[in-house]
Amino acid sequence: MEQENFERLITSLCCTANLPEALEMLQTCQIEEIEQEAKALVGQFSLAAVQGKSRIYHVFIEENDQGVEEEFVEHVMYLDEPVIVFVAWFFYTQFGIKNRDTYAAAGKTYKQPKREK
């Protein structure tokens, strides 16, 4: 994908209200690879309150080294964070695009999240 098209897509995604809307837009973006990856993620997100904060998790099943299926949970973002957090997660996990590059395409500065104690 050309940089200009990538920037346009990222900007459009950042205008969505939340993760479900952004995921829906990704499923219909007319770039086959992105559409397929987005469709594969449908139904794999869960909302949970942890330490008083609403968090969105990616929940998926993979086979371990012994061939047994295991459930994995990965924190994606807090419910009240801007959609760019999900967009950056999507492009990093699915295509290896660095967070700072996705943020730059949106005209934003990426800041490394602080570790929680």
C-alpha atoms as a PDB file:
ATOM      1  CA  MET A   1       0.000   0.000   0.000  1.00  0.00           C
ATOM      2  CA  GLU A   2       1.311   3.428  -0.871  1.00  0.00           C
ATOM      3  CA  GLN A   3       2.075   5.807   1.994  1.00  0.00           C
ATOM      4  CA  GLU A   4      -0.583   8.284   0.876  1.00  0.00           C
ATOM      5  CA  ASN A   5      -3.287   5.578   0.878  1.00  0.00           C
ATOM      6  CA  PHE A   6      -2.071   4.294   4.255  1.00  0.00           C
ATOM      7  CA  GLU A   7      -2.273   7.798   5.736  1.00  0.00           C
ATOM      8  CA  ARG A   8      -5.768   8.299   4.333  1.00  0.00           C
ATOM      9  CA  LEU A   9      -6.928   4.966   5.796  1.00  0.00           C
ATOM     10  CA  ILE A  10      -5.402   5.697   9.210  1.00  0.00           C
ATOM     11  CA  THR A  11      -6.954   9.169   9.286  1.00  0.00           C
ATOM     12  CA  SER A  12     -10.378   7.708   8.431  1.00  0.00           C
ATOM     13  CA  LEU A  13     -10.030   5.025  11.100  1.00  0.00           C
ATOM     14  CA  CYS A  14      -9.138   7.639  13.717  1.00  0.00           C
ATOM     15  CA  CYS A  15     -12.443   9.399  12.992  1.00  0.00           C
ATOM     16  CA  THR A  16     -14.417   6.358  14.145  1.00  0.00           C
ATOM     17  CA  ALA A  17     -15.898   6.437  17.648  1.00  0.00           C
ATOM     18  CA  ASN A  18     -14.605   3.134  18.997  1.00  0.00           C
ATOM     19  CA  LEU A  19     -12.962  -0.232  18.334  1.00  0.00           C
ATOM     20  CA  PRO A  20     -16.084  -1.918  16.874  1.00  0.00           C
ATOM     21  CA  GLU A  21     -16.558   0.895  14.346  1.00  0.00           C
ATOM     22  CA  ALA A  22     -12.871   0.883  13.386  1.00  0.00           C
ATOM     23  CA  LEU A  23     -12.906  -2.906  12.985  1.00  0.00           C
ATOM     24  CA  GLU A  24     -16.004  -2.673  10.816  1.00  0.00           C
ATOM     25  CA  MET A  25     -14.315  -0.058   8.625  1.00  0.00           C
ATOM     26  CA  LEU A  26     -11.235  -2.277   8.292  1.00  0.00           C
ATOM     27  CA  GLN A  27     -13.451  -5.139   7.116  1.00  0.00           C
ATOM     28  CA  THR A  28     -14.728  -3.015   4.226  1.00  0.00           C
ATOM     29  CA  CYS A  29     -11.632  -0.983   3.308  1.00  0.00           C
ATOM     30  CA  GLN A  30     -11.288  -2.593  -0.153  1.00  0.00           C
ATOM     31  CA  ILE A  31      -7.733  -3.790   0.502  1.00  0.00           C
ATOM     32  CA  GLU A  32      -8.084  -7.552   0.524  1.00  0.00           C
ATOM     33  CA  GLU A  33      -5.281  -8.353   2.990  1.00  0.00           C
ATOM     34  CA  ILE A  34      -6.561  -5.841   5.528  1.00  0.00           C
ATOM     35  CA  GLU A  35     -10.171  -6.948   5.076  1.00  0.00           C
ATOM     36  CA  GLN A  36      -9.238 -10.606   5.674  1.00  0.00           C
ATOM     37  CA  GLU A  37      -7.224  -9.867   8.813  1.00  0.00           C
ATOM     38  CA  ALA A  38     -10.004  -7.665  10.205  1.00  0.00           C
ATOM     39  CA  LYS A  39     -12.678 -10.275   9.490  1.00  0.00           C
ATOM     40  CA  ALA A  40     -10.564 -12.917  11.243  1.00  0.00           C
ATOM     41  CA  LEU A  41     -10.594 -10.793  14.413  1.00  0.00           C
ATOM     42  CA  VAL A  42     -14.385 -10.454  14.649  1.00  0.00           C
ATOM     43  CA  GLY A  43     -15.678 -11.875  17.928  1.00  0.00           C
ATOM     44  CA  GLN A  44     -12.209 -12.046  19.489  1.00  0.00           C
ATOM     45  CA  PHE A  45     -12.472  -8.982  21.738  1.00  0.00           C
ATOM     46  CA  SER A  46     -13.667  -8.872  25.306  1.00  0.00           C
ATOM     47  CA  LEU A  47     -14.304  -6.060  27.763  1.00  0.00           C
ATOM     48  CA  ALA A  48     -13.303  -6.499  31.395  1.00  0.00           C
ATOM     49  CA  ALA A  49     -12.996  -4.220  34.399  1.00  0.00           C
ATOM     50  CA  VAL A  50      -9.598  -4.601  36.049  1.00  0.00           C
ATOM     51  CA  GLN A  51      -8.545  -2.435  38.976  1.00  0.00           C
ATOM     52  CA  GLY A  52     -11.458  -0.114  38.303  1.00  0.00           C
ATOM     53  CA  LYS A  53     -10.575   0.463  34.634  1.00  0.00           C
ATOM     54  CA  SER A  54     -12.443  -0.929  31.626  1.00  0.00           C
ATOM     55  CA  ARG A  55      -9.996  -2.752  29.383  1.00  0.00           C
ATOM     56  CA  ILE A  56     -10.435  -4.282  25.952  1.00  0.00           C
ATOM     57  CA  TYR A  57      -8.684  -7.602  25.422  1.00  0.00           C
ATOM     58  CA  HIS A  58      -7.974  -9.698  22.356  1.00  0.00           C
ATOM     59  CA  VAL A  59      -8.925 -13.270  23.258  1.00  0.00           C
ATOM     60  CA  PHE A  60      -7.722 -16.033  20.955  1.00  0.00           C
ATOM     61  CA  ILE A  61      -6.945 -19.740  20.892  1.00  0.00           C
ATOM     62  CA  GLU A  62      -3.679 -21.252  19.662  1.00  0.00           C
ATOM     63  CA  GLU A  63      -2.090 -24.659  19.823  1.00  0.00           C
ATOM     64  CA  ASN A  64       0.818 -24.979  22.230  1.00  0.00           C
ATOM     65  CA  ASP A  65       3.968 -27.055  21.591  1.00  0.00           C
ATOM     66  CA  GLN A  66       2.159 -30.195  22.786  1.00  0.00           C
ATOM     67  CA  GLY A  67      -0.660 -29.703  20.262  1.00  0.00           C
ATOM     68  CA  VAL A  68      -3.194 -28.686  22.919  1.00  0.00           C
ATOM     69  CA  GLU A  69      -5.336 -25.630  22.306  1.00  0.00           C
ATOM     70  CA  GLU A  70      -4.831 -22.829  24.818  1.00  0.00           C
ATOM     71  CA  GLU A  71      -6.687 -19.564  25.308  1.00  0.00           C
ATOM     72  CA  PHE A  72      -4.582 -16.409  25.298  1.00  0.00           C
ATOM     73  CA  VAL A  73      -5.585 -12.925  26.383  1.00  0.00           C
ATOM     74  CA  GLU A  74      -3.788  -9.765  25.246  1.00  0.00           C
ATOM     75  CA  HIS A  75      -4.558  -6.259  26.516  1.00  0.00           C
ATOM     76  CA  VAL A  76      -5.287  -4.016  23.523  1.00  0.00           C
ATOM     77  CA  MET A  77      -6.446  -0.741  25.043  1.00  0.00           C
ATOM     78  CA  TYR A  78      -8.498   0.946  27.735  1.00  0.00           C
ATOM     79  CA  LEU A  79     -12.107   1.674  26.815  1.00  0.00           C
ATOM     80  CA  ASP A  80     -11.635   5.436  27.130  1.00  0.00           C
ATOM     81  CA  GLU A  81      -8.476   5.639  24.976  1.00  0.00           C
ATOM     82  CA  PRO A  82      -8.539   7.095  21.460  1.00  0.00           C
ATOM     83  CA  VAL A  83      -9.123   4.689  18.561  1.00  0.00           C
ATOM     84  CA  ILE A  84      -5.539   5.236  17.313  1.00  0.00           C
ATOM     85  CA  VAL A  85      -4.425   2.843  20.070  1.00  0.00           C
ATOM     86  CA  PHE A  86      -6.457   0.014  18.490  1.00  0.00           C
ATOM     87  CA  VAL A  87      -5.444   1.031  14.961  1.00  0.00           C
ATOM     88  CA  ALA A  88      -1.746   0.934  15.892  1.00  0.00           C
ATOM     89  CA  TRP A  89      -2.237  -2.432  17.651  1.00  0.00           C
ATOM     90  CA  PHE A  90      -3.991  -3.840  14.560  1.00  0.00           C
ATOM     91  CA  PHE A  91      -1.314  -2.812  12.090  1.00  0.00           C
ATOM     92  CA  TYR A  92       1.507  -3.933  14.398  1.00  0.00           C
ATOM     93  CA  THR A  93       0.069  -7.356  15.239  1.00  0.00           C
ATOM     94  CA  GLN A  94      -1.257  -8.137  11.761  1.00  0.00           C
ATOM     95  CA  PHE A  95       1.357  -6.507   9.514  1.00  0.00           C
ATOM     96  CA  GLY A  96       4.374  -5.641  11.695  1.00  0.00           C
ATOM     97  CA  ILE A  97       4.015  -1.884  11.160  1.00  0.00           C
ATOM     98  CA  LYS A  98       5.565  -0.055  14.095  1.00  0.00           C
ATOM     99  CA  ASN A  99       3.260   1.938  16.356  1.00  0.00           C
ATOM    100  CA  ARG A 100       5.215   5.142  15.787  1.00  0.00           C
ATOM    101  CA  ASP A 101       4.724   4.776  12.006  1.00  0.00           C
ATOM    102  CA  THR A 102       0.954   4.334  12.376  1.00  0.00           C
ATOM    103  CA  TYR A 103       0.759   7.315  14.735  1.00  0.00           C
ATOM    104  CA  ALA A 104       2.858   9.391  12.299  1.00  0.00           C
ATOM    105  CA  ALA A 105       0.462   8.480   9.469  1.00  0.00           C
ATOM    106  CA  ALA A 106      -2.332   9.883  11.648  1.00  0.00           C
ATOM    107  CA  GLY A 107      -0.336  13.056  12.332  1.00  0.00           C
ATOM    108  CA  LYS A 108       0.132  12.079  15.979  1.00  0.00           C
ATOM    109  CA  THR A 109       3.162  11.476  18.177  1.00  0.00           C
ATOM    110  CA  TYR A 110       3.546   8.004  19.659  1.00  0.00           C
ATOM    111  CA  LYS A 111       4.387   7.895  23.353  1.00  0.00           C
ATOM    112  CA  GLN A 112       5.526   4.648  24.920  1.00  0.00           C
ATOM    113  CA  PRO A 113       2.920   3.607  27.536  1.00  0.00           C
ATOM    114  CA  LYS A 114       4.039   3.690  31.143  1.00  0.00           C
ATOM    115  CA  ARG A 115       4.298   0.366  32.903  1.00  0.00           C
ATOM    116  CA  GLU A 116       1.745  -0.355  35.564  1.00  0.00           C
ATOM    117  CA  LYS A 117       2.901  -1.555  38.939  1.00  0.00           C
END
